[in-house]
Protein backbone atom coordinates (compact mmCIF):
# COMPACT_ATOMS: atom_id res chain seq x y z
CA MET A 1 98.79 121.48 115.23
CA VAL A 2 95.31 121.54 115.27
CA LEU A 3 95.09 120.11 118.66
CA GLN A 4 97.43 122.63 119.67
CA ARG A 5 95.07 125.80 119.13
CA SER A 6 92.26 123.54 120.24
CA ILE A 7 93.59 122.94 123.70
CA LYS A 8 95.80 125.50 124.38
CA ALA A 9 93.74 128.09 124.89
CA PRO A 10 90.97 126.29 128.32
CA VAL A 11 94.75 124.72 129.73
CA THR A 12 95.57 128.54 129.73
CA ARG A 13 92.39 129.77 131.64
CA PHE A 14 92.85 126.23 133.99
CA ILE A 15 96.45 126.79 135.04
CA THR A 16 96.90 131.20 134.96
CA PRO A 17 95.67 130.58 138.75
CA LEU A 18 98.73 128.74 139.64
CA CYS A 19 101.49 130.64 137.87
CA ARG A 20 100.52 133.53 139.17
CA SER A 21 100.64 131.85 142.70
CA LEU A 22 104.40 130.42 142.01
CA LEU A 23 105.36 133.86 140.39
CA ARG A 24 103.83 135.05 144.24
CA VAL A 25 106.47 132.63 145.73
CA GLY A 26 109.84 133.38 143.92
CA VAL A 27 109.07 130.63 140.99
CA THR A 28 110.62 131.45 137.84
CA ALA A 29 109.63 130.43 134.37
CA ASN A 30 112.96 129.11 134.11
CA MET A 31 112.88 127.38 136.81
CA VAL A 32 109.93 125.56 135.91
CA SER A 33 111.14 125.14 132.68
CA ALA A 34 114.60 123.19 133.77
CA ALA A 35 112.88 121.36 136.41
CA GLY A 36 110.13 119.97 134.21
CA GLY A 37 113.12 119.74 131.04
CA LEU A 38 115.54 117.30 134.54
CA GLY A 39 112.67 115.24 136.05
CA SER A 40 111.20 114.05 132.11
CA SER A 41 115.07 113.59 131.43
CA ILE A 42 115.68 111.69 134.63
CA SER A 43 112.77 109.28 135.10
CA ALA A 44 112.56 107.82 131.19
CA ILE A 45 116.36 107.12 132.07
CA LEU A 46 115.29 105.21 134.58
CA PHE A 47 112.19 103.67 133.98
CA PHE A 48 112.45 103.24 130.51
CA SER A 49 116.22 102.13 129.76
CA TYR A 50 114.42 98.42 132.11
CA GLY A 51 111.33 98.99 130.57
CA HIS A 52 108.73 99.78 133.10
CA TYR A 53 106.79 101.36 130.52
CA PHE A 54 104.20 102.65 132.61
CA TRP A 55 105.22 103.69 135.33
CA GLY A 56 108.20 106.05 133.28
CA MET A 57 104.67 107.50 131.30
CA VAL A 58 103.06 107.59 134.39
CA ILE A 59 105.76 110.14 135.74
CA SER A 60 107.64 111.37 132.72
CA VAL A 61 104.04 112.77 131.84
CA PHE A 62 104.24 114.31 135.25
CA PHE A 63 107.46 116.33 134.38
CA ILE A 64 106.27 117.43 130.43
CA LEU A 65 102.95 118.67 131.81
CA PHE A 66 105.45 121.89 133.07
CA ASP A 67 105.98 123.06 129.98
CA LEU A 68 102.32 123.91 129.97
CA LEU A 69 103.68 125.85 132.91
CA ASP A 70 106.52 127.78 131.99
CA GLY A 71 105.30 129.71 129.30
CA THR A 72 101.91 131.46 131.17
CA ILE A 73 104.78 132.47 134.18
CA ALA A 74 107.06 133.97 131.69
CA ARG A 75 103.81 136.07 130.37
CA LEU A 76 102.71 136.43 133.92
CA SER A 77 105.91 137.76 135.21
CA PRO A 78 106.82 141.29 135.26
CA SER A 79 109.76 140.90 133.38
CA GLY A 80 107.69 138.76 130.48
CA GLY A 81 109.43 135.83 128.17
CA SER A 82 113.15 136.84 127.89
CA ARG A 83 114.98 134.56 125.04
CA TRP A 84 117.98 132.57 127.67
CA GLY A 85 114.86 131.15 128.78
CA ALA A 86 113.26 130.45 125.64
CA LEU A 87 116.51 128.47 124.05
CA LEU A 88 116.54 127.06 127.82
CA ASP A 89 113.17 125.05 127.79
CA SER A 90 113.39 124.49 123.78
CA THR A 91 117.08 122.89 123.89
CA LEU A 92 115.31 120.96 127.99
CA ASP A 93 112.26 119.62 125.06
CA ARG A 94 114.97 118.04 122.32
CA VAL A 95 117.52 116.58 125.23
CA ALA A 96 113.47 115.06 127.30
CA ASP A 97 112.41 113.63 123.49
CA ALA A 98 115.76 111.92 123.35
CA ALA A 99 115.93 110.47 126.59
CA VAL A 100 112.55 108.50 126.24
CA LEU A 101 113.48 107.38 122.86
CA GLY A 102 116.61 106.03 123.57
CA SER A 103 115.38 104.72 126.77
CA VAL A 104 113.04 102.50 124.97
CA ALA A 105 116.08 102.14 121.53
CA TYR A 106 118.23 100.64 124.62
CA PHE A 107 116.15 98.31 126.22
CA LEU A 108 114.97 96.84 123.32
CA SER A 109 118.78 96.82 122.09
CA LYS A 110 119.27 94.25 124.31
CA SER A 111 116.66 92.27 122.49
CA SER A 112 117.92 92.77 119.58
CA ASP A 113 114.64 94.17 118.82
CA ARG A 114 114.00 94.98 115.47
CA LEU A 115 112.47 98.38 116.25
CA VAL A 116 114.81 99.76 117.16
CA PRO A 117 116.03 101.43 113.47
CA VAL A 118 112.43 102.38 113.65
CA ILE A 119 112.39 104.36 117.13
CA PHE A 120 116.30 105.66 116.10
CA VAL A 121 113.86 106.89 112.75
CA ALA A 122 111.42 108.73 114.67
CA LEU A 123 114.26 110.30 116.63
CA VAL A 124 116.07 111.85 114.33
CA SER A 125 113.65 112.97 112.61
CA GLY A 126 111.59 115.09 115.45
CA GLY A 127 114.72 115.84 116.04
CA LEU A 128 114.43 117.32 112.91
CA VAL A 129 110.69 118.23 112.35
CA SER A 130 112.22 121.19 115.73
CA TYR A 131 115.95 121.63 113.80
CA ILE A 132 114.08 122.98 110.77
CA LYS A 133 111.28 125.99 112.25
CA ALA A 134 115.26 127.42 114.55
CA ARG A 135 116.75 126.66 111.11
CA ALA A 136 113.92 128.88 109.07
CA GLU A 137 113.41 131.90 111.87
CA GLY A 138 117.02 132.31 111.49
CA LEU A 139 116.06 132.76 107.82
CA GLY A 140 113.68 135.37 108.85
CA ILE A 141 110.81 132.50 107.49
CA ALA A 142 107.60 132.39 109.12
CA CYS A 143 107.89 127.78 109.76
CA ASN A 144 104.94 126.51 111.49
CA GLY A 145 102.36 124.03 111.39
CA GLY A 146 102.45 120.79 110.18
CA LEU A 147 101.61 117.35 110.99
CA ALA A 148 103.10 116.48 113.95
CA GLU A 149 104.47 118.19 115.61
CA ARG A 150 105.80 118.78 119.28
CA THR A 151 103.11 118.13 121.08
CA GLU A 152 101.35 115.65 119.21
CA ARG A 153 104.89 113.26 118.32
CA LEU A 154 104.77 112.71 122.71
CA ILE A 155 100.87 112.10 122.69
CA ILE A 156 101.58 109.66 119.72
CA VAL A 157 104.43 107.49 121.89
CA PHE A 158 103.46 108.23 125.38
CA VAL A 159 99.97 106.48 124.76
CA ALA A 160 101.79 103.40 122.88
CA LEU A 161 103.93 103.11 126.15
CA GLY A 162 100.68 103.76 128.78
CA LEU A 163 98.88 101.18 126.53
CA ALA A 164 102.67 98.37 125.94
CA GLY A 165 103.19 98.55 129.86
CA LEU A 166 100.06 97.46 129.88
CA ASN A 167 100.91 94.67 127.74
CA VAL A 168 98.38 95.22 125.25
CA PRO A 169 99.73 93.57 121.84
CA TYR A 170 101.93 95.43 119.05
CA ALA A 171 100.49 98.42 120.72
CA LEU A 172 104.47 99.87 121.50
CA ALA A 173 105.03 98.74 117.66
CA ILE A 174 101.91 100.85 115.96
CA GLY A 175 102.84 103.51 117.72
CA ILE A 176 106.88 104.29 117.56
CA TRP A 177 105.65 103.45 113.22
CA LEU A 178 103.25 105.38 113.72
CA LEU A 179 105.72 108.00 115.45
CA ALA A 180 108.37 108.09 112.00
CA ILE A 181 106.17 108.33 110.02
CA VAL A 182 104.42 110.81 111.23
CA SER A 183 107.90 112.24 112.39
CA SER A 184 109.43 112.46 108.45
CA TYR A 185 106.26 113.27 107.88
CA THR A 186 106.78 116.72 108.27
CA VAL A 187 109.63 116.67 108.73
CA PHE A 188 109.17 116.88 104.94
CA GLU A 189 106.26 119.25 105.06
CA ARG A 190 108.33 122.03 107.20
CA LEU A 191 111.17 121.70 104.23
CA TRP A 192 108.25 122.70 101.45
CA ILE A 193 106.94 124.78 103.64
CA VAL A 194 110.67 127.47 102.96
CA TYR A 195 110.73 125.91 100.37
CA GLY A 196 107.69 127.97 98.67
CA ALA A 197 108.71 130.92 101.15
CA THR A 198 112.25 131.90 98.63
CA GLN A 199 111.11 130.78 95.77
CA SER A 200 108.62 133.82 96.64
CA GLU A 201 110.84 135.85 97.81
CA HIS A 202 112.32 135.03 94.37
CA LYS A 203 109.67 136.19 92.85
CA ASP A 204 109.68 138.71 94.19
CA LEU A 205 112.85 139.49 93.62
CA ALA A 206 112.69 139.45 89.77
């Protein structure tokens, strides 16, 4: 969360001129979301499933960076953002995350690598981080923050994959274990946030 706050303002200032140009030629936020989500998912499957970690990382990151553009384009557009656009973007983010870790797990499973169960812990806990926030907001409870939101989790996994692609020893194992630990911790953090909010409501009603 701290990382996202620290980089959001300068990144937004940097990409705003590009987003204005894209709007002028008719590119919408949903187009960018679809291109980024599908591009990152397909590239992850094509590269990581065959153990091509470095170039898979480079191309997947290129498409994931589209996620920086769609929100700014939505804010700059005359109609603003839409609930459909927000749902589409969030759904494609989950698909891309699953494609990255699922493809790595598939490749490692062919050699019965002991890292595969850890990858699934990271995948499930990462999905729960997003689910808890969405479910809490559906209940009218703000559930922001946590040790590792999506930006932090992506940095961990792609740094690990890039280093593994450069044959750095144990880089992938260290990265996946770290990802599983911080994602699981964030799940409990967000559960605690929601629990605290519900307890406060009960006290207010008492």
